[in-house]
N, C-alpha and C. Protein backbone atom coordinates (compact mmCIF):
# COMPACT_ATOMS: atom_id res chain seq x y z
N UNK A 1 12.68 -49.33 19.37
CA UNK A 1 12.41 -48.20 20.24
C UNK A 1 11.34 -48.63 21.25
N UNK A 2 11.55 -48.28 22.48
CA UNK A 2 10.58 -48.67 23.50
C UNK A 2 9.38 -47.73 23.49
N UNK A 3 8.40 -48.05 24.29
CA UNK A 3 7.15 -47.28 24.33
C UNK A 3 7.38 -45.84 24.77
N UNK A 4 8.27 -45.63 25.75
CA UNK A 4 8.54 -44.26 26.21
C UNK A 4 9.23 -43.43 25.12
N UNK A 5 10.14 -44.08 24.41
CA UNK A 5 10.83 -43.39 23.32
C UNK A 5 9.88 -43.02 22.20
N UNK A 6 8.98 -43.93 21.87
CA UNK A 6 7.98 -43.68 20.82
C UNK A 6 7.03 -42.56 21.25
N UNK A 7 6.64 -42.56 22.50
CA UNK A 7 5.75 -41.52 23.02
C UNK A 7 6.46 -40.16 22.97
N UNK A 8 7.72 -40.11 23.35
CA UNK A 8 8.49 -38.85 23.32
C UNK A 8 8.63 -38.34 21.89
N UNK A 9 8.87 -39.29 20.94
CA UNK A 9 8.99 -38.89 19.53
C UNK A 9 7.67 -38.32 19.01
N UNK A 10 6.57 -38.94 19.34
CA UNK A 10 5.26 -38.46 18.90
C UNK A 10 4.94 -37.09 19.51
N UNK A 11 5.28 -36.92 20.77
CA UNK A 11 5.04 -35.62 21.42
C UNK A 11 5.91 -34.53 20.77
N UNK A 12 7.14 -34.86 20.44
CA UNK A 12 8.02 -33.90 19.79
C UNK A 12 7.48 -33.53 18.42
N UNK A 13 6.98 -34.52 17.68
CA UNK A 13 6.41 -34.24 16.37
C UNK A 13 5.17 -33.34 16.49
N UNK A 14 4.35 -33.60 17.50
CA UNK A 14 3.17 -32.76 17.73
C UNK A 14 3.58 -31.33 18.07
N UNK A 15 4.60 -31.20 18.91
CA UNK A 15 5.07 -29.86 19.28
C UNK A 15 5.65 -29.15 18.07
N UNK A 16 6.38 -29.86 17.23
CA UNK A 16 6.95 -29.26 16.02
C UNK A 16 5.82 -28.79 15.11
N UNK A 17 4.78 -29.60 14.96
CA UNK A 17 3.65 -29.22 14.11
C UNK A 17 2.94 -27.98 14.68
N UNK A 18 2.75 -27.93 15.99
CA UNK A 18 2.14 -26.76 16.62
C UNK A 18 2.99 -25.51 16.37
N UNK A 19 4.30 -25.65 16.46
CA UNK A 19 5.19 -24.52 16.23
C UNK A 19 5.14 -24.08 14.77
N UNK A 20 5.05 -25.03 13.85
CA UNK A 20 4.93 -24.68 12.42
C UNK A 20 3.65 -23.89 12.18
N UNK A 21 2.55 -24.33 12.81
CA UNK A 21 1.28 -23.61 12.66
C UNK A 21 1.37 -22.21 13.26
N UNK A 22 2.04 -22.10 14.40
CA UNK A 22 2.22 -20.79 15.02
C UNK A 22 3.06 -19.88 14.14
N UNK A 23 4.13 -20.40 13.57
CA UNK A 23 4.98 -19.61 12.68
C UNK A 23 4.18 -19.14 11.46
N UNK A 24 3.39 -20.03 10.88
CA UNK A 24 2.57 -19.66 9.73
C UNK A 24 1.58 -18.57 10.10
N UNK A 25 0.96 -18.70 11.27
CA UNK A 25 0.01 -17.69 11.73
C UNK A 25 0.70 -16.35 11.95
N UNK A 26 1.87 -16.38 12.57
CA UNK A 26 2.61 -15.13 12.82
C UNK A 26 3.08 -14.49 11.52
N UNK A 27 3.50 -15.30 10.56
CA UNK A 27 3.89 -14.75 9.25
C UNK A 27 2.72 -14.05 8.58
N UNK A 28 1.54 -14.66 8.67
CA UNK A 28 0.34 -14.04 8.09
C UNK A 28 0.03 -12.72 8.80
N UNK A 29 0.13 -12.72 10.11
CA UNK A 29 -0.11 -11.50 10.88
C UNK A 29 0.89 -10.41 10.51
N UNK A 30 2.15 -10.77 10.35
CA UNK A 30 3.19 -9.81 9.95
C UNK A 30 2.87 -9.23 8.58
N UNK A 31 2.46 -10.09 7.66
CA UNK A 31 2.10 -9.61 6.31
C UNK A 31 0.95 -8.61 6.38
N UNK A 32 -0.06 -8.92 7.19
CA UNK A 32 -1.19 -8.00 7.35
C UNK A 32 -0.73 -6.66 7.93
N UNK A 33 0.15 -6.70 8.93
CA UNK A 33 0.66 -5.47 9.54
C UNK A 33 1.51 -4.68 8.57
N UNK A 34 2.30 -5.37 7.75
CA UNK A 34 3.11 -4.68 6.75
C UNK A 34 2.22 -3.99 5.72
N UNK A 35 1.17 -4.67 5.30
CA UNK A 35 0.23 -4.06 4.35
C UNK A 35 -0.43 -2.84 4.97
N UNK A 36 -0.84 -2.97 6.22
CA UNK A 36 -1.46 -1.84 6.91
C UNK A 36 -0.49 -0.67 7.03
N UNK A 37 0.78 -0.94 7.34
CA UNK A 37 1.78 0.12 7.44
C UNK A 37 2.00 0.80 6.10
N UNK A 38 2.04 0.03 5.03
CA UNK A 38 2.22 0.61 3.69
C UNK A 38 1.02 1.49 3.34
N UNK A 39 -0.18 1.02 3.63
CA UNK A 39 -1.37 1.83 3.35
C UNK A 39 -1.40 3.10 4.19
N UNK A 40 -0.96 3.01 5.45
CA UNK A 40 -0.86 4.20 6.29
C UNK A 40 0.14 5.19 5.68
N UNK A 41 1.26 4.69 5.20
CA UNK A 41 2.26 5.56 4.57
C UNK A 41 1.68 6.22 3.32
N UNK A 42 0.91 5.48 2.55
CA UNK A 42 0.26 6.04 1.36
C UNK A 42 -0.73 7.13 1.75
N UNK A 43 -1.49 6.88 2.80
CA UNK A 43 -2.46 7.87 3.29
C UNK A 43 -1.72 9.13 3.75
N UNK A 44 -0.64 8.95 4.47
CA UNK A 44 0.16 10.09 4.93
C UNK A 44 0.70 10.88 3.74
N UNK A 45 1.18 10.18 2.72
CA UNK A 45 1.70 10.86 1.53
C UNK A 45 0.60 11.68 0.85
N UNK A 46 -0.59 11.11 0.76
CA UNK A 46 -1.71 11.84 0.16
C UNK A 46 -2.09 13.07 0.96
N UNK A 47 -2.17 12.92 2.28
CA UNK A 47 -2.49 14.06 3.14
C UNK A 47 -1.40 15.14 3.05
N UNK A 48 -0.15 14.71 3.04
CA UNK A 48 0.95 15.68 2.95
C UNK A 48 0.87 16.45 1.63
N UNK A 49 0.54 15.77 0.55
CA UNK A 49 0.41 16.46 -0.74
C UNK A 49 -0.72 17.47 -0.70
N UNK A 50 -1.86 17.09 -0.10
CA UNK A 50 -2.98 18.02 0.02
C UNK A 50 -2.59 19.24 0.84
N UNK A 51 -1.94 19.00 1.97
CA UNK A 51 -1.55 20.10 2.85
C UNK A 51 -0.58 21.04 2.15
N UNK A 52 0.41 20.48 1.46
CA UNK A 52 1.37 21.33 0.74
C UNK A 52 0.69 22.18 -0.31
N UNK A 53 -0.26 21.58 -1.02
CA UNK A 53 -0.99 22.33 -2.06
C UNK A 53 -1.83 23.43 -1.43
N UNK A 54 -2.49 23.14 -0.30
CA UNK A 54 -3.31 24.16 0.36
C UNK A 54 -2.44 25.30 0.89
N UNK A 55 -1.29 24.96 1.43
CA UNK A 55 -0.39 25.99 1.92
C UNK A 55 0.10 26.87 0.77
N UNK A 56 0.50 26.24 -0.32
CA UNK A 56 0.98 27.00 -1.47
C UNK A 56 -0.12 27.90 -2.02
N UNK A 57 -1.33 27.39 -2.10
CA UNK A 57 -2.44 28.19 -2.61
C UNK A 57 -2.75 29.36 -1.69
N UNK A 58 -2.74 29.12 -0.38
CA UNK A 58 -3.05 30.20 0.55
C UNK A 58 -1.92 31.23 0.60
N UNK A 59 -0.68 30.78 0.42
CA UNK A 59 0.44 31.73 0.39
C UNK A 59 0.37 32.63 -0.85
N UNK A 60 -0.20 32.10 -1.91
CA UNK A 60 -0.32 32.88 -3.13
C UNK A 60 -1.50 33.85 -3.09
N UNK A 61 -2.37 33.69 -2.13
CA UNK A 61 -3.55 34.54 -2.01
C UNK A 61 -3.13 35.95 -1.58
N UNK A 62 -3.66 37.00 -2.21
CA UNK A 62 -3.30 38.36 -1.83
C UNK A 62 -3.85 38.78 -0.47
N UNK A 63 -4.79 38.02 0.07
CA UNK A 63 -5.39 38.35 1.36
C UNK A 63 -4.82 37.42 2.44
N UNK A 64 -3.59 37.66 2.83
CA UNK A 64 -2.89 36.80 3.80
C UNK A 64 -3.62 36.70 5.14
N UNK A 65 -4.29 37.77 5.53
CA UNK A 65 -4.99 37.76 6.81
C UNK A 65 -6.14 36.74 6.83
N UNK A 66 -6.57 36.31 5.66
CA UNK A 66 -7.64 35.33 5.56
C UNK A 66 -7.13 33.91 5.84
N UNK A 67 -5.83 33.77 5.97
CA UNK A 67 -5.24 32.44 6.14
C UNK A 67 -4.26 32.43 7.32
N UNK A 68 -4.74 32.64 8.53
CA UNK A 68 -3.82 32.74 9.67
C UNK A 68 -3.05 31.45 9.98
N UNK A 69 -3.63 30.31 9.69
CA UNK A 69 -2.94 29.06 10.01
C UNK A 69 -1.73 28.78 9.13
N UNK A 70 -1.66 29.42 7.96
CA UNK A 70 -0.52 29.15 7.09
C UNK A 70 0.54 30.26 7.16
N UNK A 71 0.29 31.26 7.96
CA UNK A 71 1.32 32.28 8.14
C UNK A 71 2.52 31.64 8.81
N UNK A 72 3.71 32.05 8.37
CA UNK A 72 4.95 31.45 8.88
C UNK A 72 5.40 32.17 10.15
N UNK A 73 5.77 31.38 11.15
CA UNK A 73 6.32 31.91 12.40
C UNK A 73 7.44 30.98 12.86
N UNK A 74 8.22 31.47 13.81
CA UNK A 74 9.33 30.67 14.32
C UNK A 74 8.89 29.87 15.55
N UNK A 75 9.35 28.63 15.59
CA UNK A 75 9.14 27.72 16.71
C UNK A 75 10.49 27.13 17.10
N UNK A 76 10.50 26.42 18.20
CA UNK A 76 11.70 25.69 18.61
C UNK A 76 11.46 24.21 18.37
N UNK A 77 12.39 23.58 17.67
CA UNK A 77 12.31 22.14 17.41
C UNK A 77 12.45 21.41 18.75
N UNK A 78 11.51 20.55 19.07
CA UNK A 78 11.50 19.84 20.36
C UNK A 78 12.70 18.92 20.53
N UNK A 79 13.18 18.35 19.42
CA UNK A 79 14.29 17.41 19.51
C UNK A 79 15.64 18.10 19.53
N UNK A 80 15.81 19.11 18.67
CA UNK A 80 17.13 19.72 18.50
C UNK A 80 17.30 21.02 19.26
N UNK A 81 16.19 21.68 19.61
CA UNK A 81 16.27 22.97 20.26
C UNK A 81 16.56 24.11 19.28
N UNK A 82 16.68 23.79 18.01
CA UNK A 82 16.96 24.81 16.99
C UNK A 82 15.67 25.53 16.58
N UNK A 83 15.85 26.75 16.11
CA UNK A 83 14.71 27.53 15.62
C UNK A 83 14.31 27.00 14.26
N UNK A 84 13.01 26.81 14.07
CA UNK A 84 12.46 26.38 12.79
C UNK A 84 11.33 27.32 12.41
N UNK A 85 11.14 27.50 11.13
CA UNK A 85 10.04 28.32 10.63
C UNK A 85 8.98 27.39 10.07
N UNK A 86 7.81 27.46 10.64
CA UNK A 86 6.69 26.61 10.22
C UNK A 86 5.42 27.45 10.18
N UNK A 87 4.34 26.85 9.68
CA UNK A 87 3.07 27.56 9.67
C UNK A 87 2.49 27.59 11.08
N UNK A 88 1.53 28.47 11.28
CA UNK A 88 0.86 28.56 12.58
C UNK A 88 0.05 27.30 12.89
N UNK A 89 -0.05 26.41 11.94
CA UNK A 89 -0.77 25.15 12.15
C UNK A 89 0.10 24.13 12.89
N UNK A 90 1.37 24.42 13.11
CA UNK A 90 2.25 23.46 13.77
C UNK A 90 1.71 23.00 15.13
N UNK A 91 1.15 23.86 15.97
CA UNK A 91 0.60 23.35 17.23
C UNK A 91 -0.49 22.29 17.03
N UNK A 92 -1.26 22.40 15.95
CA UNK A 92 -2.27 21.38 15.66
C UNK A 92 -1.59 20.04 15.38
N UNK A 93 -0.53 20.10 14.59
CA UNK A 93 0.24 18.89 14.28
C UNK A 93 0.82 18.30 15.56
N UNK A 94 1.44 19.12 16.36
CA UNK A 94 2.07 18.64 17.59
C UNK A 94 1.06 18.00 18.53
N UNK A 95 -0.10 18.64 18.69
CA UNK A 95 -1.13 18.09 19.57
C UNK A 95 -1.62 16.72 19.08
N UNK A 96 -1.87 16.62 17.77
CA UNK A 96 -2.34 15.36 17.20
C UNK A 96 -1.26 14.29 17.28
N UNK A 97 -0.02 14.66 16.98
CA UNK A 97 1.11 13.73 17.06
C UNK A 97 1.23 13.19 18.48
N UNK A 98 1.24 14.11 19.45
CA UNK A 98 1.42 13.72 20.85
C UNK A 98 0.27 12.83 21.34
N UNK A 99 -0.96 13.17 20.97
CA UNK A 99 -2.11 12.37 21.39
C UNK A 99 -2.02 10.95 20.82
N UNK A 100 -1.68 10.85 19.55
CA UNK A 100 -1.56 9.53 18.93
C UNK A 100 -0.40 8.76 19.54
N UNK A 101 0.71 9.43 19.78
CA UNK A 101 1.86 8.76 20.39
C UNK A 101 1.53 8.25 21.78
N UNK A 102 0.87 9.08 22.57
CA UNK A 102 0.52 8.66 23.94
C UNK A 102 -0.46 7.49 23.93
N UNK A 103 -1.41 7.51 22.99
CA UNK A 103 -2.36 6.39 22.91
C UNK A 103 -1.66 5.11 22.44
N UNK A 104 -0.49 5.26 21.85
CA UNK A 104 0.30 4.10 21.40
C UNK A 104 1.34 3.70 22.44
N UNK A 105 1.34 4.38 23.58
CA UNK A 105 2.25 4.00 24.65
C UNK A 105 3.57 4.76 24.69
N UNK A 106 3.70 5.82 23.92
CA UNK A 106 4.92 6.62 23.93
C UNK A 106 4.73 7.74 24.95
N UNK A 107 5.54 7.71 26.00
CA UNK A 107 5.37 8.65 27.11
C UNK A 107 5.87 10.06 26.81
N UNK A 108 6.91 10.19 26.03
CA UNK A 108 7.51 11.50 25.75
C UNK A 108 7.54 11.75 24.24
N UNK A 109 6.38 11.99 23.62
CA UNK A 109 6.36 12.13 22.17
C UNK A 109 7.16 13.31 21.64
N UNK A 110 7.38 14.34 22.49
CA UNK A 110 8.14 15.50 22.02
C UNK A 110 9.57 15.13 21.66
N UNK A 111 10.04 13.99 22.11
CA UNK A 111 11.39 13.53 21.77
C UNK A 111 11.45 12.95 20.35
N UNK A 112 10.30 12.75 19.73
CA UNK A 112 10.24 12.11 18.43
C UNK A 112 9.70 13.00 17.32
N UNK A 113 9.21 14.18 17.65
CA UNK A 113 8.65 15.06 16.62
C UNK A 113 9.31 16.43 16.70
N UNK A 114 9.10 17.23 15.66
CA UNK A 114 9.72 18.57 15.65
C UNK A 114 8.99 19.53 16.56
């Protein structure tokens, strides 16, 4: 093999090694993101359980006027246009959902939430 061929082979080996290191780094980053997503899902599950319990407890309370946010009212689902019955807290959810979506680069969050 001549000098140019040997130089090309060495450069290719160096490029392959750089790509292997990049792949390893990206795999590690993906694993970290997957762990973060799983923990976010766990956090959401915990919050949802708390909210459901609070709603159930407040619905069981004989003083309904003391719990205006959990009173049930009709809304229109943003995606389907159908009528849905939710608590009066739904606007709080929608505002928080939309703000988080917009900060994540989603321009029309109402297309993704109820």
